[in-house]
Amino acid sequence: MDLRSPFVVSLIPLPRQEGSHMTWEEEFAAPGDLGVELIGVPEGSPVQVSLSLQSVSEGVWVSGQVHVNLSGRCSRCLRDLEEERTDSIGELIFYPERKAAILDLGEDEDAEDLPVIVDDHIDLEPIIRDAIVLGLPFQPLCRPDCPGLCSECGQRWDDLPEDHHHEHTNPTFDVLEGIRTQLEAEQA
């Protein structure tokens, strides 16, 4: 754990007594790859975090909100998207001895992945990342009824006239069309 990271919080001012709490508010620049393929938080944009940290018997309960600006593209029409978003955080960070006890019991298959307090510090980056990224749509839309792009010309349906269409010719019928034209010419 890098103690210089803006995501790392010191728990030294938080007594280990159950019910003790402290608040932590911070604004910092977003790291890279905070998103999914079509939408995410632009690198370097502000991430505002407002958290309450409360001592409980197993560790520290972290709750609060993270506020970010999202940027991306509509998955149907490729229009640029900009959106403000506030996500909730609620996560238990375990004391090392509590996590060890859970591992010893062997009852939780995912216990190895439980977050843990290290030297009276918590790394909030995975928690903040999960709060933001897990709530993002894999196929963001500019609006729910976005018609997308014309499959023939690639233009946005919103920008095209209502009577927009393309003539569809099937090359397999070109021979038949030639025969029909020849027959019509013979009958004339």
C-alpha atoms as a PDB file:
ATOM      1  CA  MET A   1       0.000   0.000   0.000  1.00  0.00           C
ATOM      2  CA  ASP A   2       1.409   3.357  -1.074  1.00  0.00           C
ATOM      3  CA  LEU A   3       0.756   5.782   1.800  1.00  0.00           C
ATOM      4  CA  ARG A   4       1.213   8.728  -0.602  1.00  0.00           C
ATOM      5  CA  SER A   5      -1.825   7.680  -2.634  1.00  0.00           C
ATOM      6  CA  PRO A   6      -4.791  10.045  -2.297  1.00  0.00           C
ATOM      7  CA  PHE A   7      -6.959   6.924  -1.838  1.00  0.00           C
ATOM      8  CA  VAL A   8      -5.220   5.877   1.394  1.00  0.00           C
ATOM      9  CA  VAL A   9      -6.867   6.950   4.657  1.00  0.00           C
ATOM     10  CA  SER A  10      -5.141   6.892   8.033  1.00  0.00           C
ATOM     11  CA  LEU A  11      -7.212   5.349  10.827  1.00  0.00           C
ATOM     12  CA  ILE A  12      -4.943   6.617  13.601  1.00  0.00           C
ATOM     13  CA  PRO A  13      -7.489   9.312  14.641  1.00  0.00           C
ATOM     14  CA  LEU A  14     -10.308   6.705  14.725  1.00  0.00           C
ATOM     15  CA  PRO A  15     -10.548   4.876  18.074  1.00  0.00           C
ATOM     16  CA  ARG A  16     -11.028   1.131  17.782  1.00  0.00           C
ATOM     17  CA  GLN A  17     -13.997   1.346  20.124  1.00  0.00           C
ATOM     18  CA  GLU A  18     -17.262   0.221  18.528  1.00  0.00           C
ATOM     19  CA  GLY A  19     -19.416   3.161  17.481  1.00  0.00           C
ATOM     20  CA  SER A  20     -16.522   5.604  17.097  1.00  0.00           C
ATOM     21  CA  HIS A  21     -16.588   7.408  13.801  1.00  0.00           C
ATOM     22  CA  MET A  22     -14.837   9.988  11.718  1.00  0.00           C
ATOM     23  CA  THR A  23     -15.582  11.695   8.420  1.00  0.00           C
ATOM     24  CA  TRP A  24     -13.279  11.855   5.437  1.00  0.00           C
ATOM     25  CA  GLU A  25     -13.825  14.213   2.525  1.00  0.00           C
ATOM     26  CA  GLU A  26     -11.411  14.531  -0.321  1.00  0.00           C
ATOM     27  CA  GLU A  27     -11.218  15.625  -3.949  1.00  0.00           C
ATOM     28  CA  PHE A  28      -8.545  14.222  -6.197  1.00  0.00           C
ATOM     29  CA  ALA A  29      -7.789  13.542  -9.856  1.00  0.00           C
ATOM     30  CA  ALA A  30      -9.292  10.396 -11.357  1.00  0.00           C
ATOM     31  CA  PRO A  31      -6.846   7.637 -12.186  1.00  0.00           C
ATOM     32  CA  GLY A  32      -6.801   6.084 -15.644  1.00  0.00           C
ATOM     33  CA  ASP A  33      -9.167   3.287 -16.700  1.00  0.00           C
ATOM     34  CA  LEU A  34     -11.946   4.255 -14.285  1.00  0.00           C
ATOM     35  CA  GLY A  35     -14.757   3.029 -16.506  1.00  0.00           C
ATOM     36  CA  VAL A  36     -15.850   0.546 -19.133  1.00  0.00           C
ATOM     37  CA  GLU A  37     -15.263   0.563 -22.876  1.00  0.00           C
ATOM     38  CA  LEU A  38     -17.863   3.171 -23.899  1.00  0.00           C
ATOM     39  CA  ILE A  39     -18.193   5.316 -20.759  1.00  0.00           C
ATOM     40  CA  GLY A  40     -16.081   6.273 -17.775  1.00  0.00           C
ATOM     41  CA  VAL A  41     -14.467   8.981 -15.706  1.00  0.00           C
ATOM     42  CA  PRO A  42     -11.922  10.906 -17.783  1.00  0.00           C
ATOM     43  CA  GLU A  43      -8.418  10.589 -16.400  1.00  0.00           C
ATOM     44  CA  GLY A  44      -7.499  13.626 -14.318  1.00  0.00           C
ATOM     45  CA  SER A  45     -11.094  14.823 -13.819  1.00  0.00           C
ATOM     46  CA  PRO A  46     -12.184  15.509 -10.218  1.00  0.00           C
ATOM     47  CA  VAL A  47     -13.418  12.698  -7.986  1.00  0.00           C
ATOM     48  CA  GLN A  48     -15.221  14.022  -4.908  1.00  0.00           C
ATOM     49  CA  VAL A  49     -15.488  11.609  -1.994  1.00  0.00           C
ATOM     50  CA  SER A  50     -17.469  12.145   1.206  1.00  0.00           C
ATOM     51  CA  LEU A  51     -17.281   9.212   3.629  1.00  0.00           C
ATOM     52  CA  SER A  52     -18.105   8.236   7.160  1.00  0.00           C
ATOM     53  CA  LEU A  53     -15.833   5.659   8.790  1.00  0.00           C
ATOM     54  CA  GLN A  54     -17.258   3.842  11.804  1.00  0.00           C
ATOM     55  CA  SER A  55     -15.552   1.335  14.091  1.00  0.00           C
ATOM     56  CA  VAL A  56     -17.422  -1.949  14.411  1.00  0.00           C
ATOM     57  CA  SER A  57     -16.409  -5.240  16.021  1.00  0.00           C
ATOM     58  CA  GLU A  58     -15.039  -6.741  12.778  1.00  0.00           C
ATOM     59  CA  GLY A  59     -13.296  -3.644  11.431  1.00  0.00           C
ATOM     60  CA  VAL A  60     -14.334  -0.310   9.971  1.00  0.00           C
ATOM     61  CA  TRP A  61     -17.609   0.290   8.138  1.00  0.00           C
ATOM     62  CA  VAL A  62     -17.047   2.757   5.281  1.00  0.00           C
ATOM     63  CA  SER A  63     -20.137   4.480   3.916  1.00  0.00           C
ATOM     64  CA  GLY A  64     -20.840   7.597   1.924  1.00  0.00           C
ATOM     65  CA  GLN A  65     -20.834   8.892  -1.615  1.00  0.00           C
ATOM     66  CA  VAL A  66     -18.511   9.488  -4.524  1.00  0.00           C
ATOM     67  CA  HIS A  67     -19.323  12.124  -7.139  1.00  0.00           C
ATOM     68  CA  VAL A  68     -17.802  12.084 -10.638  1.00  0.00           C
ATOM     69  CA  ASN A  69     -18.336  13.399 -14.159  1.00  0.00           C
ATOM     70  CA  LEU A  70     -18.706  10.716 -16.807  1.00  0.00           C
ATOM     71  CA  SER A  71     -17.798  10.953 -20.460  1.00  0.00           C
ATOM     72  CA  GLY A  72     -18.519   8.449 -23.190  1.00  0.00           C
ATOM     73  CA  ARG A  73     -20.481   7.546 -26.304  1.00  0.00           C
ATOM     74  CA  CYS A  74     -23.973   6.238 -26.965  1.00  0.00           C
ATOM     75  CA  SER A  75     -23.706   2.585 -27.957  1.00  0.00           C
ATOM     76  CA  ARG A  76     -26.336   3.002 -30.708  1.00  0.00           C
ATOM     77  CA  CYS A  77     -25.689   6.358 -32.382  1.00  0.00           C
ATOM     78  CA  LEU A  78     -22.145   7.136 -31.117  1.00  0.00           C
ATOM     79  CA  ARG A  79     -23.253  10.572 -29.869  1.00  0.00           C
ATOM     80  CA  ASP A  80     -20.982  12.003 -27.151  1.00  0.00           C
ATOM     81  CA  LEU A  81     -22.340  11.646 -23.622  1.00  0.00           C
ATOM     82  CA  GLU A  82     -21.568  13.797 -20.586  1.00  0.00           C
ATOM     83  CA  GLU A  83     -23.178  13.042 -17.243  1.00  0.00           C
ATOM     84  CA  GLU A  84     -22.700  13.799 -13.555  1.00  0.00           C
ATOM     85  CA  ARG A  85     -23.065  10.824 -11.289  1.00  0.00           C
ATOM     86  CA  THR A  86     -23.144  10.169  -7.551  1.00  0.00           C
ATOM     87  CA  ASP A  87     -22.692   6.605  -6.330  1.00  0.00           C
ATOM     88  CA  SER A  88     -23.091   5.221  -2.826  1.00  0.00           C
ATOM     89  CA  ILE A  89     -20.397   3.337  -0.969  1.00  0.00           C
ATOM     90  CA  GLY A  90     -20.933   0.778   1.773  1.00  0.00           C
ATOM     91  CA  GLU A  91     -18.091  -1.592   2.602  1.00  0.00           C
ATOM     92  CA  LEU A  92     -16.677  -3.336   5.653  1.00  0.00           C
ATOM     93  CA  ILE A  93     -12.891  -3.249   5.934  1.00  0.00           C
ATOM     94  CA  PHE A  94     -11.699  -5.981   8.289  1.00  0.00           C
ATOM     95  CA  TYR A  95      -9.153  -5.854  11.084  1.00  0.00           C
ATOM     96  CA  PRO A  96      -6.334  -8.270  10.174  1.00  0.00           C
ATOM     97  CA  GLU A  97      -7.105 -10.614  13.083  1.00  0.00           C
ATOM     98  CA  ARG A  98     -10.823 -10.788  12.123  1.00  0.00           C
ATOM     99  CA  LYS A  99      -9.947 -11.664   8.533  1.00  0.00           C
ATOM    100  CA  ALA A 100      -7.511 -14.325   9.799  1.00  0.00           C
ATOM    101  CA  ALA A 101     -10.273 -15.808  11.983  1.00  0.00           C
ATOM    102  CA  ILE A 102     -12.631 -15.966   8.995  1.00  0.00           C
ATOM    103  CA  LEU A 103      -9.928 -17.650   6.916  1.00  0.00           C
ATOM    104  CA  ASP A 104      -9.244 -20.159   9.723  1.00  0.00           C
ATOM    105  CA  LEU A 105     -12.914 -21.109   9.881  1.00  0.00           C
ATOM    106  CA  GLY A 106     -12.913 -21.747   6.140  1.00  0.00           C
ATOM    107  CA  GLU A 107     -16.614 -20.909   5.878  1.00  0.00           C
ATOM    108  CA  ASP A 108     -16.261 -18.116   3.336  1.00  0.00           C
ATOM    109  CA  GLU A 109     -14.823 -19.159  -0.026  1.00  0.00           C
ATOM    110  CA  ASP A 110     -14.128 -15.524  -0.952  1.00  0.00           C
ATOM    111  CA  ALA A 111     -12.529 -14.601   2.402  1.00  0.00           C
ATOM    112  CA  GLU A 112      -9.107 -14.222   0.810  1.00  0.00           C
ATOM    113  CA  ASP A 113     -10.411 -11.253  -1.188  1.00  0.00           C
ATOM    114  CA  LEU A 114     -11.886  -9.392   1.803  1.00  0.00           C
ATOM    115  CA  PRO A 115     -10.446  -5.894   2.242  1.00  0.00           C
ATOM    116  CA  VAL A 116      -8.220  -5.482   5.280  1.00  0.00           C
ATOM    117  CA  ILE A 117      -6.757  -2.650   7.343  1.00  0.00           C
ATOM    118  CA  VAL A 118      -2.981  -2.522   6.940  1.00  0.00           C
ATOM    119  CA  ASP A 119      -0.909  -0.683   9.572  1.00  0.00           C
ATOM    120  CA  ASP A 120      -3.893   1.509  10.545  1.00  0.00           C
ATOM    121  CA  HIS A 121      -4.527   2.513   6.921  1.00  0.00           C
ATOM    122  CA  ILE A 122      -7.243   1.719   4.391  1.00  0.00           C
ATOM    123  CA  ASP A 123      -6.765   1.807   0.631  1.00  0.00           C
ATOM    124  CA  LEU A 124     -10.090   3.098  -0.723  1.00  0.00           C
ATOM    125  CA  GLU A 125      -9.209   2.835  -4.421  1.00  0.00           C
ATOM    126  CA  PRO A 126     -10.789  -0.622  -4.972  1.00  0.00           C
ATOM    127  CA  ILE A 127     -13.906   0.415  -3.055  1.00  0.00           C
ATOM    128  CA  ILE A 128     -14.292   3.681  -4.980  1.00  0.00           C
ATOM    129  CA  ARG A 129     -13.518   1.940  -8.273  1.00  0.00           C
ATOM    130  CA  ASP A 130     -16.173  -0.717  -7.602  1.00  0.00           C
ATOM    131  CA  ALA A 131     -18.764   1.893  -6.601  1.00  0.00           C
ATOM    132  CA  ILE A 132     -18.269   3.759  -9.871  1.00  0.00           C
ATOM    133  CA  VAL A 133     -17.483   1.075 -12.426  1.00  0.00           C
ATOM    134  CA  LEU A 134     -19.947  -1.616 -11.332  1.00  0.00           C
ATOM    135  CA  GLY A 135     -22.819   0.831 -11.784  1.00  0.00           C
ATOM    136  CA  LEU A 136     -21.867   1.858 -15.318  1.00  0.00           C
ATOM    137  CA  PRO A 137     -23.896   0.541 -18.249  1.00  0.00           C
ATOM    138  CA  PHE A 138     -21.969  -1.609 -20.714  1.00  0.00           C
ATOM    139  CA  GLN A 139     -24.143  -0.158 -23.475  1.00  0.00           C
ATOM    140  CA  PRO A 140     -24.797   3.482 -22.544  1.00  0.00           C
ATOM    141  CA  LEU A 141     -27.573   5.282 -24.411  1.00  0.00           C
ATOM    142  CA  CYS A 142     -28.147   8.967 -25.108  1.00  0.00           C
ATOM    143  CA  ARG A 143     -31.830   8.224 -24.453  1.00  0.00           C
ATOM    144  CA  PRO A 144     -33.776   4.976 -23.971  1.00  0.00           C
ATOM    145  CA  ASP A 145     -35.442   5.087 -27.405  1.00  0.00           C
ATOM    146  CA  CYS A 146     -32.316   6.013 -29.383  1.00  0.00           C
ATOM    147  CA  PRO A 147     -32.849   4.627 -32.910  1.00  0.00           C
ATOM    148  CA  GLY A 148     -29.109   4.352 -33.614  1.00  0.00           C
ATOM    149  CA  LEU A 149     -27.492   4.463 -37.050  1.00  0.00           C
ATOM    150  CA  CYS A 150     -28.793   3.523 -40.479  1.00  0.00           C
ATOM    151  CA  SER A 151     -27.211   0.175 -41.294  1.00  0.00           C
ATOM    152  CA  GLU A 152     -26.774   1.158 -44.946  1.00  0.00           C
ATOM    153  CA  CYS A 153     -25.237   4.637 -44.828  1.00  0.00           C
ATOM    154  CA  GLY A 154     -24.118   4.916 -41.184  1.00  0.00           C
ATOM    155  CA  GLN A 155     -25.917   8.217 -40.528  1.00  0.00           C
ATOM    156  CA  ARG A 156     -27.842   8.824 -37.311  1.00  0.00           C
ATOM    157  CA  TRP A 157     -31.533   8.064 -37.769  1.00  0.00           C
ATOM    158  CA  ASP A 158     -32.297  11.255 -35.789  1.00  0.00           C
ATOM    159  CA  ASP A 159     -30.536  13.314 -38.497  1.00  0.00           C
ATOM    160  CA  LEU A 160     -32.260  11.621 -41.454  1.00  0.00           C
ATOM    161  CA  PRO A 161     -35.669  12.456 -42.967  1.00  0.00           C
ATOM    162  CA  GLU A 162     -38.591  10.205 -42.058  1.00  0.00           C
ATOM    163  CA  ASP A 163     -38.807   8.794 -45.599  1.00  0.00           C
ATOM    164  CA  HIS A 164     -35.108   7.793 -45.636  1.00  0.00           C
ATOM    165  CA  HIS A 165     -34.555   4.421 -47.255  1.00  0.00           C
ATOM    166  CA  HIS A 166     -32.155   2.594 -49.552  1.00  0.00           C
ATOM    167  CA  GLU A 167     -32.985   0.588 -52.629  1.00  0.00           C
ATOM    168  CA  HIS A 168     -32.152  -3.029 -52.028  1.00  0.00           C
ATOM    169  CA  THR A 169     -31.233  -5.061 -55.033  1.00  0.00           C
ATOM    170  CA  ASN A 170     -30.389  -8.701 -54.804  1.00  0.00           C
ATOM    171  CA  PRO A 171     -27.629  -9.643 -57.274  1.00  0.00           C
ATOM    172  CA  THR A 172     -29.031 -13.160 -57.552  1.00  0.00           C
ATOM    173  CA  PHE A 173     -32.055 -11.724 -59.364  1.00  0.00           C
ATOM    174  CA  ASP A 174     -29.980  -9.699 -61.863  1.00  0.00           C
ATOM    175  CA  VAL A 175     -30.050 -12.593 -64.334  1.00  0.00           C
ATOM    176  CA  LEU A 176     -33.838 -12.867 -64.032  1.00  0.00           C
ATOM    177  CA  GLU A 177     -34.182  -9.109 -64.494  1.00  0.00           C
ATOM    178  CA  GLY A 178     -32.115  -9.415 -67.690  1.00  0.00           C
ATOM    179  CA  ILE A 179     -34.384 -12.193 -68.983  1.00  0.00           C
ATOM    180  CA  ARG A 180     -37.495 -10.147 -68.147  1.00  0.00           C
ATOM    181  CA  THR A 181     -36.100  -7.141 -69.999  1.00  0.00           C
ATOM    182  CA  GLN A 182     -35.252  -9.342 -72.997  1.00  0.00           C
ATOM    183  CA  LEU A 183     -38.761 -10.857 -73.068  1.00  0.00           C
ATOM    184  CA  GLU A 184     -40.396  -7.449 -72.864  1.00  0.00           C
ATOM    185  CA  ALA A 185     -38.234  -6.262 -75.747  1.00  0.00           C
ATOM    186  CA  GLU A 186     -39.247  -9.295 -77.865  1.00  0.00           C
ATOM    187  CA  GLN A 187     -42.946  -8.739 -77.191  1.00  0.00           C
ATOM    188  CA  ALA A 188     -42.797  -5.110 -78.157  1.00  0.00           C
END
